[in-house]
PDB file of N, CA and C in Angstrom:
ATOM      1  N   MET A   1     132.125  58.901  92.597  1.00  0.00           N
ATOM      2  CA  MET A   1     133.086  59.967  92.671  1.00  0.00           C
ATOM      3  C   MET A   1     132.919  60.760  93.969  1.00  0.00           C
ATOM      4  N   LEU A   2     131.691  61.136  94.303  1.00  0.00           N
ATOM      5  CA  LEU A   2     131.442  61.808  95.573  1.00  0.00           C
ATOM      6  C   LEU A   2     131.175  60.755  96.636  1.00  0.00           C
ATOM      7  N   ASP A   3     131.932  60.851  97.683  1.00  0.00           N
ATOM      8  CA  ASP A   3     131.799  59.908  98.785  1.00  0.00           C
ATOM      9  C   ASP A   3     130.615  60.292  99.668  1.00  0.00           C
ATOM     10  N   LYS A   4     129.996  59.294 100.292  1.00  0.00           N
ATOM     11  CA  LYS A   4     128.875  59.546 101.194  1.00  0.00           C
ATOM     12  C   LYS A   4     129.285  60.462 102.339  1.00  0.00           C
ATOM     13  N   ASN A   5     130.471  60.239 102.887  1.00  0.00           N
ATOM     14  CA  ASN A   5     130.951  61.042 104.007  1.00  0.00           C
ATOM     15  C   ASN A   5     131.145  62.501 103.614  1.00  0.00           C
ATOM     16  N   LEU A   6     131.606  62.744 102.394  1.00  0.00           N
ATOM     17  CA  LEU A   6     131.793  64.103 101.915  1.00  0.00           C
ATOM     18  C   LEU A   6     130.459  64.822 101.819  1.00  0.00           C
ATOM     19  N   ILE A   7     129.469  64.160 101.273  1.00  0.00           N
ATOM     20  CA  ILE A   7     128.147  64.759 101.143  1.00  0.00           C
ATOM     21  C   ILE A   7     127.555  65.026 102.518  1.00  0.00           C
ATOM     22  N   PHE A   8     127.702  64.059 103.436  1.00  0.00           N
ATOM     23  CA  PHE A   8     127.179  64.227 104.791  1.00  0.00           C
ATOM     24  C   PHE A   8     127.866  65.401 105.489  1.00  0.00           C
ATOM     25  N   ALA A   9     129.182  65.500 105.350  1.00  0.00           N
ATOM     26  CA  ALA A   9     129.932  66.581 105.992  1.00  0.00           C
ATOM     27  C   ALA A   9     129.522  67.937 105.419  1.00  0.00           C
ATOM     28  N   PHE A  10     129.309  67.997 104.125  1.00  0.00           N
ATOM     29  CA  PHE A  10     128.874  69.248 103.508  1.00  0.00           C
ATOM     30  C   PHE A  10     127.502  69.657 104.021  1.00  0.00           C
ATOM     31  N   ALA A  11     126.579  68.695 104.100  1.00  0.00           N
ATOM     32  CA  ALA A  11     125.230  68.993 104.589  1.00  0.00           C
ATOM     33  C   ALA A  11     125.272  69.424 106.058  1.00  0.00           C
ATOM     34  N   ALA A  12     126.086  68.760 106.853  1.00  0.00           N
ATOM     35  CA  ALA A  12     126.200  69.126 108.267  1.00  0.00           C
ATOM     36  C   ALA A  12     126.791  70.530 108.407  1.00  0.00           C
ATOM     37  N   GLY A  13     127.793  70.850 107.631  1.00  0.00           N
ATOM     38  CA  GLY A  13     128.392  72.179 107.675  1.00  0.00           C
ATOM     39  C   GLY A  13     127.412  73.263 107.256  1.00  0.00           C
ATOM     40  N   ALA A  14     126.635  72.977 106.226  1.00  0.00           N
ATOM     41  CA  ALA A  14     125.635  73.946 105.779  1.00  0.00           C
ATOM     42  C   ALA A  14     124.572  74.149 106.858  1.00  0.00           C
ATOM     43  N   ALA A  15     124.153  73.069 107.502  1.00  0.00           N
ATOM     44  CA  ALA A  15     123.137  73.179 108.554  1.00  0.00           C
ATOM     45  C   ALA A  15     123.656  73.998 109.728  1.00  0.00           C
ATOM     46  N   VAL A  16     124.892  73.750 110.130  1.00  0.00           N
ATOM     47  CA  VAL A  16     125.478  74.507 111.237  1.00  0.00           C
ATOM     48  C   VAL A  16     125.601  75.977 110.849  1.00  0.00           C
ATOM     49  N   GLY A  17     125.958  76.252 109.617  1.00  0.00           N
ATOM     50  CA  GLY A  17     126.053  77.629 109.152  1.00  0.00           C
ATOM     51  C   GLY A  17     124.719  78.346 109.198  1.00  0.00           C
ATOM     52  N   VAL A  18     123.651  77.664 108.778  1.00  0.00           N
ATOM     53  CA  VAL A  18     122.313  78.257 108.799  1.00  0.00           C
ATOM     54  C   VAL A  18     121.877  78.518 110.235  1.00  0.00           C
ATOM     55  N   ILE A  19     122.120  77.544 111.116  1.00  0.00           N
ATOM     56  CA  ILE A  19     121.739  77.715 112.521  1.00  0.00           C
ATOM     57  C   ILE A  19     122.524  78.871 113.139  1.00  0.00           C
ATOM     58  N   GLY A  20     123.813  78.962 112.846  1.00  0.00           N
ATOM     59  CA  GLY A  20     124.635  80.051 113.369  1.00  0.00           C
ATOM     60  C   GLY A  20     124.166  81.410 112.862  1.00  0.00           C
ATOM     61  N   ALA A  21     123.809  81.493 111.594  1.00  0.00           N
ATOM     62  CA  ALA A  21     123.329  82.758 111.035  1.00  0.00           C
ATOM     63  C   ALA A  21     122.014  83.169 111.689  1.00  0.00           C
ATOM     64  N   ARG A  22     121.113  82.215 111.891  1.00  0.00           N
ATOM     65  CA  ARG A  22     119.838  82.535 112.553  1.00  0.00           C
ATOM     66  C   ARG A  22     120.071  82.982 113.991  1.00  0.00           C
ATOM     67  N   TYR A  23     120.960  82.303 114.692  1.00  0.00           N
ATOM     68  CA  TYR A  23     121.263  82.679 116.071  1.00  0.00           C
ATOM     69  C   TYR A  23     121.836  84.090 116.106  1.00  0.00           C
ATOM     70  N   TYR A  24     122.731  84.404 115.172  1.00  0.00           N
ATOM     71  CA  TYR A  24     123.332  85.732 115.133  1.00  0.00           C
ATOM     72  C   TYR A  24     122.272  86.794 114.879  1.00  0.00           C
ATOM     73  N   LYS A  25     121.385  86.541 113.931  1.00  0.00           N
ATOM     74  CA  LYS A  25     120.332  87.514 113.628  1.00  0.00           C
ATOM     75  C   LYS A  25     119.428  87.729 114.832  1.00  0.00           C
ATOM     76  N   LYS A  26     119.115  86.642 115.547  1.00  0.00           N
ATOM     77  CA  LYS A  26     118.208  86.730 116.688  1.00  0.00           C
ATOM     78  C   LYS A  26     118.857  87.486 117.855  1.00  0.00           C
ATOM     79  N   HIS A  27     120.164  87.335 118.060  1.00  0.00           N
ATOM     80  CA  HIS A  27     120.876  87.937 119.175  1.00  0.00           C
ATOM     81  C   HIS A  27     121.884  88.984 118.713  1.00  0.00           C
ATOM     82  N   GLU A  28     121.606  89.638 117.609  1.00  0.00           N
ATOM     83  CA  GLU A  28     122.575  90.557 117.014  1.00  0.00           C
ATOM     84  C   GLU A  28     122.942  91.709 117.944  1.00  0.00           C
ATOM     85  N   ALA A  29     121.974  92.308 118.619  1.00  0.00           N
ATOM     86  CA  ALA A  29     122.261  93.447 119.498  1.00  0.00           C
ATOM     87  C   ALA A  29     123.130  93.009 120.680  1.00  0.00           C
ATOM     88  N   GLU A  30     122.799  91.876 121.274  1.00  0.00           N
ATOM     89  CA  GLU A  30     123.558  91.375 122.420  1.00  0.00           C
ATOM     90  C   GLU A  30     124.998  91.047 122.023  1.00  0.00           C
ATOM     91  N   LEU A  31     125.166  90.372 120.881  1.00  0.00           N
ATOM     92  CA  LEU A  31     126.503  90.021 120.423  1.00  0.00           C
ATOM     93  C   LEU A  31     127.301  91.266 120.041  1.00  0.00           C
ATOM     94  N   SER A  32     126.630  92.241 119.469  1.00  0.00           N
ATOM     95  CA  SER A  32     127.298  93.483 119.092  1.00  0.00           C
ATOM     96  C   SER A  32     127.807  94.217 120.331  1.00  0.00           C
ATOM     97  N   ASP A  33     126.991  94.246 121.386  1.00  0.00           N
ATOM     98  CA  ASP A  33     127.423  94.880 122.636  1.00  0.00           C
ATOM     99  C   ASP A  33     128.639  94.171 123.224  1.00  0.00           C
ATOM    100  N   LYS A  34     128.616  92.842 123.203  1.00  0.00           N
ATOM    101  CA  LYS A  34     129.741  92.084 123.737  1.00  0.00           C
ATOM    102  C   LYS A  34     131.010  92.325 122.924  1.00  0.00           C
ATOM    103  N   LEU A  35     130.875  92.387 121.599  1.00  0.00           N
ATOM    104  CA  LEU A  35     132.033  92.643 120.748  1.00  0.00           C
ATOM    105  C   LEU A  35     132.575  94.051 120.953  1.00  0.00           C
ATOM    106  N   ASP A  36     131.679  95.031 121.137  1.00  0.00           N
ATOM    107  CA  ASP A  36     132.124  96.399 121.394  1.00  0.00           C
ATOM    108  C   ASP A  36     132.876  96.492 122.721  1.00  0.00           C
ATOM    109  N   ALA A  37     132.360  95.795 123.745  1.00  0.00           N
ATOM    110  CA  ALA A  37     133.035  95.799 125.043  1.00  0.00           C
ATOM    111  C   ALA A  37     134.415  95.160 124.924  1.00  0.00           C
ATOM    112  N   LEU A  38     134.502  94.063 124.200  1.00  0.00           N
ATOM    113  CA  LEU A  38     135.784  93.389 124.001  1.00  0.00           C
ATOM    114  C   LEU A  38     136.748  94.282 123.227  1.00  0.00           C
ATOM    115  N   ARG A  39     136.234  94.942 122.205  1.00  0.00           N
ATOM    116  CA  ARG A  39     137.066  95.835 121.404  1.00  0.00           C
ATOM    117  C   ARG A  39     137.615  96.971 122.256  1.00  0.00           C
ATOM    118  N   SER A  40     136.779  97.561 123.117  1.00  0.00           N
ATOM    119  CA  SER A  40     137.250  98.667 123.950  1.00  0.00           C
ATOM    120  C   SER A  40     138.276  98.175 124.977  1.00  0.00           C
ATOM    121  N   ARG A  41     138.087  96.953 125.506  1.00  0.00           N
ATOM    122  CA  ARG A  41     139.074  96.407 126.438  1.00  0.00           C
ATOM    123  C   ARG A  41     140.404  96.176 125.739  1.00  0.00           C
ATOM    124  N   LEU A  42     140.359  95.668 124.509  1.00  0.00           N
ATOM    125  CA  LEU A  42     141.594  95.424 123.775  1.00  0.00           C
ATOM    126  C   LEU A  42     142.299  96.731 123.442  1.00  0.00           C
ATOM    127  N   GLN A  43     141.533  97.752 123.083  1.00  0.00           N
ATOM    128  CA  GLN A  43     142.137  99.045 122.797  1.00  0.00           C
ATOM    129  C   GLN A  43     142.746  99.640 124.054  1.00  0.00           C
ATOM    130  N   GLY A  44     142.077  99.460 125.187  1.00  0.00           N
ATOM    131  CA  GLY A  44     142.610  99.958 126.454  1.00  0.00           C
ATOM    132  C   GLY A  44     143.882  99.237 126.834  1.00  0.00           C
ATOM    133  N   ALA A  45     143.922  97.931 126.592  1.00  0.00           N
ATOM    134  CA  ALA A  45     145.108  97.146 126.920  1.00  0.00           C
ATOM    135  C   ALA A  45     146.276  97.508 126.014  1.00  0.00           C
ATOM    136  N   ALA A  46     145.970  97.925 124.777  1.00  0.00           N
ATOM    137  CA  ALA A  46     147.019  98.289 123.841  1.00  0.00           C
ATOM    138  C   ALA A  46     147.543  99.694 124.098  1.00  0.00           C
ATOM    139  N   GLY A  47     146.885 100.431 125.012  1.00  0.00           N
ATOM    140  CA  GLY A  47     147.353 101.776 125.328  1.00  0.00           C
ATOM    141  C   GLY A  47     146.602 102.848 124.584  1.00  0.00           C
ATOM    142  N   PHE A  48     145.589 102.485 123.830  1.00  0.00           N
ATOM    143  CA  PHE A  48     144.801 103.456 123.098  1.00  0.00           C
ATOM    144  C   PHE A  48     143.443 103.580 123.746  1.00  0.00           C
ATOM    145  N   GLY A  49     142.994 104.793 123.909  1.00  0.00           N
ATOM    146  CA  GLY A  49     141.665 105.022 124.465  1.00  0.00           C
ATOM    147  C   GLY A  49     140.627 104.978 123.366  1.00  0.00           C
ATOM    148  N   ALA A  50     139.497 105.607 123.603  1.00  0.00           N
ATOM    149  CA  ALA A  50     138.415 105.627 122.625  1.00  0.00           C
ATOM    150  C   ALA A  50     138.808 106.410 121.383  1.00  0.00           C
ATOM    151  N   GLU A  51     139.811 107.325 121.516  1.00  0.00           N
ATOM    152  CA  GLU A  51     140.211 108.129 120.367  1.00  0.00           C
ATOM    153  C   GLU A  51     141.050 107.361 119.364  1.00  0.00           C
ATOM    154  N   GLY A  52     141.512 106.163 119.721  1.00  0.00           N
ATOM    155  CA  GLY A  52     142.254 105.329 118.785  1.00  0.00           C
ATOM    156  C   GLY A  52     143.685 105.797 118.637  1.00  0.00           C
ATOM    157  N   ALA A  53     144.234 105.703 117.440  1.00  0.00           N
ATOM    158  CA  ALA A  53     145.633 106.017 117.195  1.00  0.00           C
ATOM    159  C   ALA A  53     145.899 107.514 117.283  1.00  0.00           C
ATOM    160  N   ASP A  54     144.877 108.368 117.126  1.00  0.00           N
ATOM    161  CA  ASP A  54     145.086 109.808 117.196  1.00  0.00           C
ATOM    162  C   ASP A  54     145.490 110.248 118.596  1.00  0.00           C
ATOM    163  N   GLY A  55     145.077 109.515 119.608  1.00  0.00           N
ATOM    164  CA  GLY A  55     145.412 109.869 120.979  1.00  0.00           C
ATOM    165  C   GLY A  55     146.644 109.154 121.474  1.00  0.00           C
ATOM    166  N   ALA A  56     147.505 108.745 120.574  1.00  0.00           N
ATOM    167  CA  ALA A  56     148.679 107.974 120.962  1.00  0.00           C
ATOM    168  C   ALA A  56     149.606 108.776 121.868  1.00  0.00           C
ATOM    169  N   GLU A  57     149.678 110.125 121.646  1.00  0.00           N
ATOM    170  CA  GLU A  57     150.552 110.939 122.475  1.00  0.00           C
ATOM    171  C   GLU A  57     150.072 110.960 123.913  1.00  0.00           C
ATOM    172  N   SER A  58     148.778 111.163 124.124  1.00  0.00           N
ATOM    173  CA  SER A  58     148.260 111.200 125.485  1.00  0.00           C
ATOM    174  C   SER A  58     148.328 109.816 126.121  1.00  0.00           C
ATOM    175  N   ALA A  59     148.145 108.794 125.316  1.00  0.00           N
ATOM    176  CA  ALA A  59     148.235 107.436 125.840  1.00  0.00           C
ATOM    177  C   ALA A  59     149.663 107.126 126.258  1.00  0.00           C
ATOM    178  N   ALA A  60     150.633 107.649 125.521  1.00  0.00           N
ATOM    179  CA  ALA A  60     152.030 107.423 125.871  1.00  0.00           C
ATOM    180  C   ALA A  60     152.371 108.117 127.176  1.00  0.00           C
ATOM    181  N   ALA A  61     151.807 109.294 127.413  1.00  0.00           N
ATOM    182  CA  ALA A  61     152.048 109.998 128.666  1.00  0.00           C
ATOM    183  C   ALA A  61     151.417 109.240 129.827  1.00  0.00           C
ATOM    184  N   ASP A  62     150.243 108.664 129.606  1.00  0.00           N
ATOM    185  CA  ASP A  62     149.566 107.904 130.647  1.00  0.00           C
ATOM    186  C   ASP A  62     150.275 106.584 130.925  1.00  0.00           C
ATOM    187  N   THR A  63     151.000 106.081 129.971  1.00  0.00           N
ATOM    188  CA  THR A  63     151.663 104.790 130.122  1.00  0.00           C
ATOM    189  C   THR A  63     152.715 104.838 131.223  1.00  0.00           C
ATOM    190  N   GLY A  64     153.417 105.948 131.381  1.00  0.00           N
ATOM    191  CA  GLY A  64     154.425 106.076 132.428  1.00  0.00           C
ATOM    192  C   GLY A  64     153.803 105.969 133.809  1.00  0.00           C
ATOM    193  N   ALA A  65     152.679 106.637 134.014  1.00  0.00           N
ATOM    194  CA  ALA A  65     152.000 106.565 135.311  1.00  0.00           C
ATOM    195  C   ALA A  65     151.459 105.171 135.554  1.00  0.00           C
ATOM    196  N   ALA A  66     150.949 104.543 134.516  1.00  0.00           N
ATOM    197  CA  ALA A  66     150.410 103.191 134.653  1.00  0.00           C
ATOM    198  C   ALA A  66     151.522 102.200 134.981  1.00  0.00           C
ATOM    199  N   ALA A  67     152.700 102.386 134.387  1.00  0.00           N
ATOM    200  CA  ALA A  67     153.822 101.490 134.658  1.00  0.00           C
ATOM    201  C   ALA A  67     154.274 101.623 136.108  1.00  0.00           C
ATOM    202  N   ALA A  68     154.274 102.831 136.634  1.00  0.00           N
ATOM    203  CA  ALA A  68     154.654 103.036 138.033  1.00  0.00           C
ATOM    204  C   ALA A  68     153.646 102.371 138.956  1.00  0.00           C
ATOM    205  N   ALA A  69     152.362 102.471 138.622  1.00  0.00           N
ATOM    206  CA  ALA A  69     151.330 101.826 139.430  1.00  0.00           C
ATOM    207  C   ALA A  69     151.452 100.311 139.357  1.00  0.00           C
ATOM    208  N   ASP A  70     151.796  99.795 138.190  1.00  0.00           N
ATOM    209  CA  ASP A  70     151.971  98.348 138.033  1.00  0.00           C
ATOM    210  C   ASP A  70     153.160  97.855 138.858  1.00  0.00           C
ATOM    211  N   ASP A  71     154.254  98.626 138.884  1.00  0.00           N
ATOM    212  CA  ASP A  71     155.425  98.238 139.669  1.00  0.00           C
ATOM    213  C   ASP A  71     155.089  98.203 141.156  1.00  0.00           C
ATOM    214  N   LYS A  72     154.316  99.181 141.616  1.00  0.00           N
ATOM    215  CA  LYS A  72     153.932  99.228 143.023  1.00  0.00           C
ATOM    216  C   LYS A  72     153.044  98.039 143.372  1.00  0.00           C
ATOM    217  N   ALA A  73     152.086  97.715 142.497  1.00  0.00           N
ATOM    218  CA  ALA A  73     151.195  96.579 142.741  1.00  0.00           C
ATOM    219  C   ALA A  73     151.978  95.268 142.741  1.00  0.00           C
ATOM    220  N   ALA A  74     152.953  95.154 141.861  1.00  0.00           N
ATOM    221  CA  ALA A  74     153.756  93.931 141.806  1.00  0.00           C
ATOM    222  C   ALA A  74     154.578  93.776 143.078  1.00  0.00           C
ATOM    223  N   ALA A  75     155.115  94.868 143.588  1.00  0.00           N
ATOM    224  CA  ALA A  75     155.908  94.797 144.811  1.00  0.00           C
ATOM    225  C   ALA A  75     155.047  94.394 145.999  1.00  0.00           C
ATOM    226  N   GLU A  76     153.809  94.884 146.046  1.00  0.00           N
ATOM    227  CA  GLU A  76     152.913  94.555 147.147  1.00  0.00           C
ATOM    228  C   GLU A  76     152.428  93.107 147.069  1.00  0.00           C
ATOM    229  N   SER A  77     152.355  92.562 145.864  1.00  0.00           N
ATOM    230  CA  SER A  77     151.804  91.217 145.704  1.00  0.00           C
ATOM    231  C   SER A  77     152.866  90.118 145.746  1.00  0.00           C
ATOM    232  N   GLU A  78     154.124  90.485 145.966  1.00  0.00           N
ATOM    233  CA  GLU A  78     155.180  89.480 146.014  1.00  0.00           C
ATOM    234  C   GLU A  78     154.994  88.586 147.228  1.00  0.00           C
ATOM    235  N   LEU A  79     155.243  87.309 147.042  1.00  0.00           N
ATOM    236  CA  LEU A  79     155.125  86.350 148.121  1.00  0.00           C
ATOM    237  C   LEU A  79     156.388  86.337 148.951  1.00  0.00           C
ATOM    238  N   THR A  80     156.231  86.030 150.218  1.00  0.00           N
ATOM    239  CA  THR A  80     157.408  85.919 151.075  1.00  0.00           C
ATOM    240  C   THR A  80     158.095  84.590 150.801  1.00  0.00           C
ATOM    241  N   LEU A  81     159.308  84.471 151.275  1.00  0.00           N
ATOM    242  CA  LEU A  81     160.082  83.260 151.080  1.00  0.00           C
ATOM    243  C   LEU A  81     159.406  82.062 151.742  1.00  0.00           C
ATOM    244  N   GLU A  82     158.840  82.276 152.909  1.00  0.00           N
ATOM    245  CA  GLU A  82     158.171  81.191 153.623  1.00  0.00           C
ATOM    246  C   GLU A  82     156.951  80.686 152.839  1.00  0.00           C
ATOM    247  N   GLU A  83     156.197  81.626 152.272  1.00  0.00           N
ATOM    248  CA  GLU A  83     155.016  81.238 151.492  1.00  0.00           C
ATOM    249  C   GLU A  83     155.418  80.434 150.257  1.00  0.00           C
ATOM    250  N   LEU A  84     156.485  80.877 149.618  1.00  0.00           N
ATOM    251  CA  LEU A  84     156.956  80.164 148.428  1.00  0.00           C
ATOM    252  C   LEU A  84     157.444  78.762 148.778  1.00  0.00           C
ATOM    253  N   GLU A  85     158.154  78.638 149.907  1.00  0.00           N
ATOM    254  CA  GLU A  85     158.640  77.325 150.325  1.00  0.00           C
ATOM    255  C   GLU A  85     157.482  76.401 150.681  1.00  0.00           C
ATOM    256  N   ALA A  86     156.436  76.945 151.299  1.00  0.00           N
ATOM    257  CA  ALA A  86     155.266  76.135 151.637  1.00  0.00           C
ATOM    258  C   ALA A  86     154.579  75.641 150.370  1.00  0.00           C
ATOM    259  N   GLN A  87     154.468  76.527 149.383  1.00  0.00           N
ATOM    260  CA  GLN A  87     153.863  76.117 148.108  1.00  0.00           C
ATOM    261  C   GLN A  87     154.717  75.060 147.419  1.00  0.00           C
ATOM    262  N   LYS A  88     156.036  75.215 147.497  1.00  0.00           N
ATOM    263  CA  LYS A  88     156.949  74.251 146.881  1.00  0.00           C
ATOM    264  C   LYS A  88     156.778  72.879 147.527  1.00  0.00           C
ATOM    265  N   GLU A  89     156.714  72.845 148.856  1.00  0.00           N
ATOM    266  CA  GLU A  89     156.533  71.576 149.557  1.00  0.00           C
ATOM    267  C   GLU A  89     155.203  70.925 149.198  1.00  0.00           C
ATOM    268  N   HIS A  90     154.171  71.736 149.090  1.00  0.00           N
ATOM    269  CA  HIS A  90     152.855  71.212 148.720  1.00  0.00           C
ATOM    270  C   HIS A  90     152.896  70.597 147.322  1.00  0.00           C
ATOM    271  N   LEU A  91     153.542  71.285 146.396  1.00  0.00           N
ATOM    272  CA  LEU A  91     153.655  70.761 145.030  1.00  0.00           C
ATOM    273  C   LEU A  91     154.477  69.484 144.996  1.00  0.00           C
ATOM    274  N   GLU A  92     155.548  69.434 145.795  1.00  0.00           N
ATOM    275  CA  GLU A  92     156.352  68.215 145.840  1.00  0.00           C
ATOM    276  C   GLU A  92     155.543  67.041 146.385  1.00  0.00           C
ATOM    277  N   ASP A  93     154.691  67.313 147.382  1.00  0.00           N
ATOM    278  CA  ASP A  93     153.819  66.261 147.929  1.00  0.00           C
ATOM    279  C   ASP A  93     152.842  65.760 146.870  1.00  0.00           C
ATOM    280  N   LEU A  94     152.274  66.694 146.120  1.00  0.00           N
ATOM    281  CA  LEU A  94     151.327  66.306 145.060  1.00  0.00           C
ATOM    282  C   LEU A  94     152.016  65.467 143.986  1.00  0.00           C
ATOM    283  N   ILE A  95     153.234  65.856 143.628  1.00  0.00           N
ATOM    284  CA  ILE A  95     153.985  65.116 142.615  1.00  0.00           C
ATOM    285  C   ILE A  95     154.301  63.707 143.117  1.00  0.00           C
ATOM    286  N   ALA A  96     154.705  63.599 144.382  1.00  0.00           N
ATOM    287  CA  ALA A  96     155.022  62.288 144.951  1.00  0.00           C
ATOM    288  C   ALA A  96     153.790  61.387 144.970  1.00  0.00           C
ATOM    289  N   GLU A  97     152.633  61.953 145.339  1.00  0.00           N
ATOM    290  CA  GLU A  97     151.393  61.167 145.344  1.00  0.00           C
ATOM    291  C   GLU A  97     151.057  60.674 143.945  1.00  0.00           C
ATOM    292  N   LEU A  98     151.185  61.543 142.981  1.00  0.00           N
ATOM    293  CA  LEU A  98     150.864  61.180 141.598  1.00  0.00           C
ATOM    294  C   LEU A  98     151.815  60.102 141.092  1.00  0.00           C
ATOM    295  N   GLN A  99     153.088  60.237 141.396  1.00  0.00           N
ATOM    296  CA  GLN A  99     154.060  59.220 140.975  1.00  0.00           C
ATOM    297  C   GLN A  99     153.779  57.881 141.645  1.00  0.00           C
ATOM    298  N   ALA A 100     153.381  57.907 142.921  1.00  0.00           N
ATOM    299  CA  ALA A 100     153.059  56.660 143.626  1.00  0.00           C
ATOM    300  C   ALA A 100     151.838  55.995 142.995  1.00  0.00           C
ATOM    301  N   LYS A 101     150.836  56.787 142.649  1.00  0.00           N
ATOM    302  CA  LYS A 101     149.641  56.227 142.005  1.00  0.00           C
ATOM    303  C   LYS A 101     149.989  55.616 140.654  1.00  0.00           C
ATOM    304  N   MET A 102     150.811  56.324 139.884  1.00  0.00           N
ATOM    305  CA  MET A 102     151.190  55.814 138.565  1.00  0.00           C
ATOM    306  C   MET A 102     152.010  54.538 138.698  1.00  0.00           C
ATOM    307  N   GLN A 103     152.891  54.492 139.690  1.00  0.00           N
ATOM    308  CA  GLN A 103     153.719  53.305 139.896  1.00  0.00           C
ATOM    309  C   GLN A 103     152.843  52.138 140.351  1.00  0.00           C
ATOM    310  N   ALA A 104     151.889  52.391 141.244  1.00  0.00           N
ATOM    311  CA  ALA A 104     150.999  51.325 141.707  1.00  0.00           C
ATOM    312  C   ALA A 104     150.141  50.811 140.561  1.00  0.00           C
ATOM    313  N   LYS A 105     149.709  51.713 139.707  1.00  0.00           N
ATOM    314  CA  LYS A 105     148.889  51.313 138.563  1.00  0.00           C
ATOM    315  C   LYS A 105     149.702  50.459 137.598  1.00  0.00           C
ATOM    316  N   SER A 106     150.950  50.866 137.350  1.00  0.00           N
ATOM    317  CA  SER A 106     151.780  50.092 136.416  1.00  0.00           C
ATOM    318  C   SER A 106     152.158  48.743 137.024  1.00  0.00           C
ATOM    319  N   GLN A 107     152.398  48.685 138.315  1.00  0.00           N
ATOM    320  CA  GLN A 107     152.710  47.414 138.959  1.00  0.00           C
ATOM    321  C   GLN A 107     151.476  46.526 139.017  1.00  0.00           C
ATOM    322  N   GLY A 108     150.313  47.116 139.266  1.00  0.00           N
ATOM    323  CA  GLY A 108     149.069  46.353 139.292  1.00  0.00           C
ATOM    324  C   GLY A 108     148.741  45.794 137.925  1.00  0.00           C
ATOM    325  N   GLY A 109     148.993  46.566 136.893  1.00  0.00           N
ATOM    326  CA  GLY A 109     148.759  46.096 135.525  1.00  0.00           C
ATOM    327  C   GLY A 109     149.725  45.001 135.148  1.00  0.00           C
ATOM    328  N   ALA A 110     150.983  45.120 135.589  1.00  0.00           N
ATOM    329  CA  ALA A 110     151.984  44.099 135.283  1.00  0.00           C
ATOM    330  C   ALA A 110     151.661  42.812 136.026  1.00  0.00           C
ATOM    331  N   ALA A 111     151.177  42.937 137.265  1.00  0.00           N
ATOM    332  CA  ALA A 111     150.839  41.747 138.052  1.00  0.00           C
ATOM    333  C   ALA A 111     149.639  41.038 137.432  1.00  0.00           C
ATOM    334  N   ALA A 112     148.662  41.810 136.961  1.00  0.00           N
ATOM    335  CA  ALA A 112     147.488  41.208 136.332  1.00  0.00           C
ATOM    336  C   ALA A 112     147.889  40.519 135.032  1.00  0.00           C
ATOM    337  N   ALA A 113     148.794  41.111 134.291  1.00  0.00           N
ATOM    338  CA  ALA A 113     149.245  40.494 133.037  1.00  0.00           C
ATOM    339  C   ALA A 113     150.018  39.225 133.336  1.00  0.00           C
ATOM    340  N   GLY A 114     150.793  39.241 134.405  1.00  0.00           N
ATOM    341  CA  GLY A 114     151.569  38.068 134.778  1.00  0.00           C
ATOM    342  C   GLY A 114     150.668  36.914 135.174  1.00  0.00           C
ATOM    343  N   THR A 115     149.581  37.166 135.897  1.00  0.00           N
ATOM    344  CA  THR A 115     148.674  36.095 136.297  1.00  0.00           C
ATOM    345  C   THR A 115     147.921  35.545 135.099  1.00  0.00           C
ATOM    346  N   GLU A 116     147.591  36.422 134.148  1.00  0.00           N
ATOM    347  CA  GLU A 116     146.885  35.961 132.949  1.00  0.00           C
ATOM    348  C   GLU A 116     147.799  35.077 132.112  1.00  0.00           C
ATOM    349  N   SER A 117     149.060  35.453 131.987  1.00  0.00           N
ATOM    350  CA  SER A 117     149.970  34.634 131.186  1.00  0.00           C
ATOM    351  C   SER A 117     150.260  33.320 131.883  1.00  0.00           C
ATOM    352  N   ALA A 118     150.313  33.339 133.210  1.00  0.00           N
ATOM    353  CA  ALA A 118     150.542  32.109 133.956  1.00  0.00           C
ATOM    354  C   ALA A 118     149.331  31.197 133.834  1.00  0.00           C
ATOM    355  N   ALA A 119     148.144  31.762 133.848  1.00  0.00           N
ATOM    356  CA  ALA A 119     146.929  30.961 133.710  1.00  0.00           C
ATOM    357  C   ALA A 119     146.859  30.377 132.307  1.00  0.00           C
ATOM    358  N   GLY A 120     147.291  31.133 131.322  1.00  0.00           N
ATOM    359  CA  GLY A 120     147.276  30.638 129.935  1.00  0.00           C
ATOM    360  C   GLY A 120     148.290  29.546 129.740  1.00  0.00           C
ATOM    361  N   ALA A 121     149.413  29.619 130.428  1.00  0.00           N
ATOM    362  CA  ALA A 121     150.461  28.599 130.258  1.00  0.00           C
ATOM    363  C   ALA A 121     150.066  27.325 130.955  1.00  0.00           C
ATOM    364  N   GLY A 122     149.250  27.404 132.020  1.00  0.00           N
ATOM    365  CA  GLY A 122     148.848  26.212 132.752  1.00  0.00           C
ATOM    366  C   GLY A 122     147.783  25.399 132.030  1.00  0.00           C
ATOM    367  N   VAL A 123     147.093  26.006 131.057  1.00  0.00           N
ATOM    368  CA  VAL A 123     145.997  25.301 130.362  1.00  0.00           C
ATOM    369  C   VAL A 123     146.491  24.387 129.329  1.00  0.00           C
TER     370      VAL A 123
END
């Protein structure tokens, strides 16, 4: 009724769980610091500071200034037409090279298959 693979998978899962729990206990402070840093970054990205949802009014006021700064940064980071055309040409060259390689590979494979079938027919 119980398959060998099922028992093996259960044992492997339990072993990984035990190892993960031990690793977490051993590095709990380090992992907690990393999670706290990630949590604060996510709250900052969502527009909430350390005060959470209670500071939503002040965060909303700060959002207008942040949006203006983002617009200015976006305008400064825009690429010129010449730069975009150069990137486009480079990408077109890369695409052409890749297509040539794929075509050569498919033709080489077809030629090899053709010689094998010809050799088989001659025997």
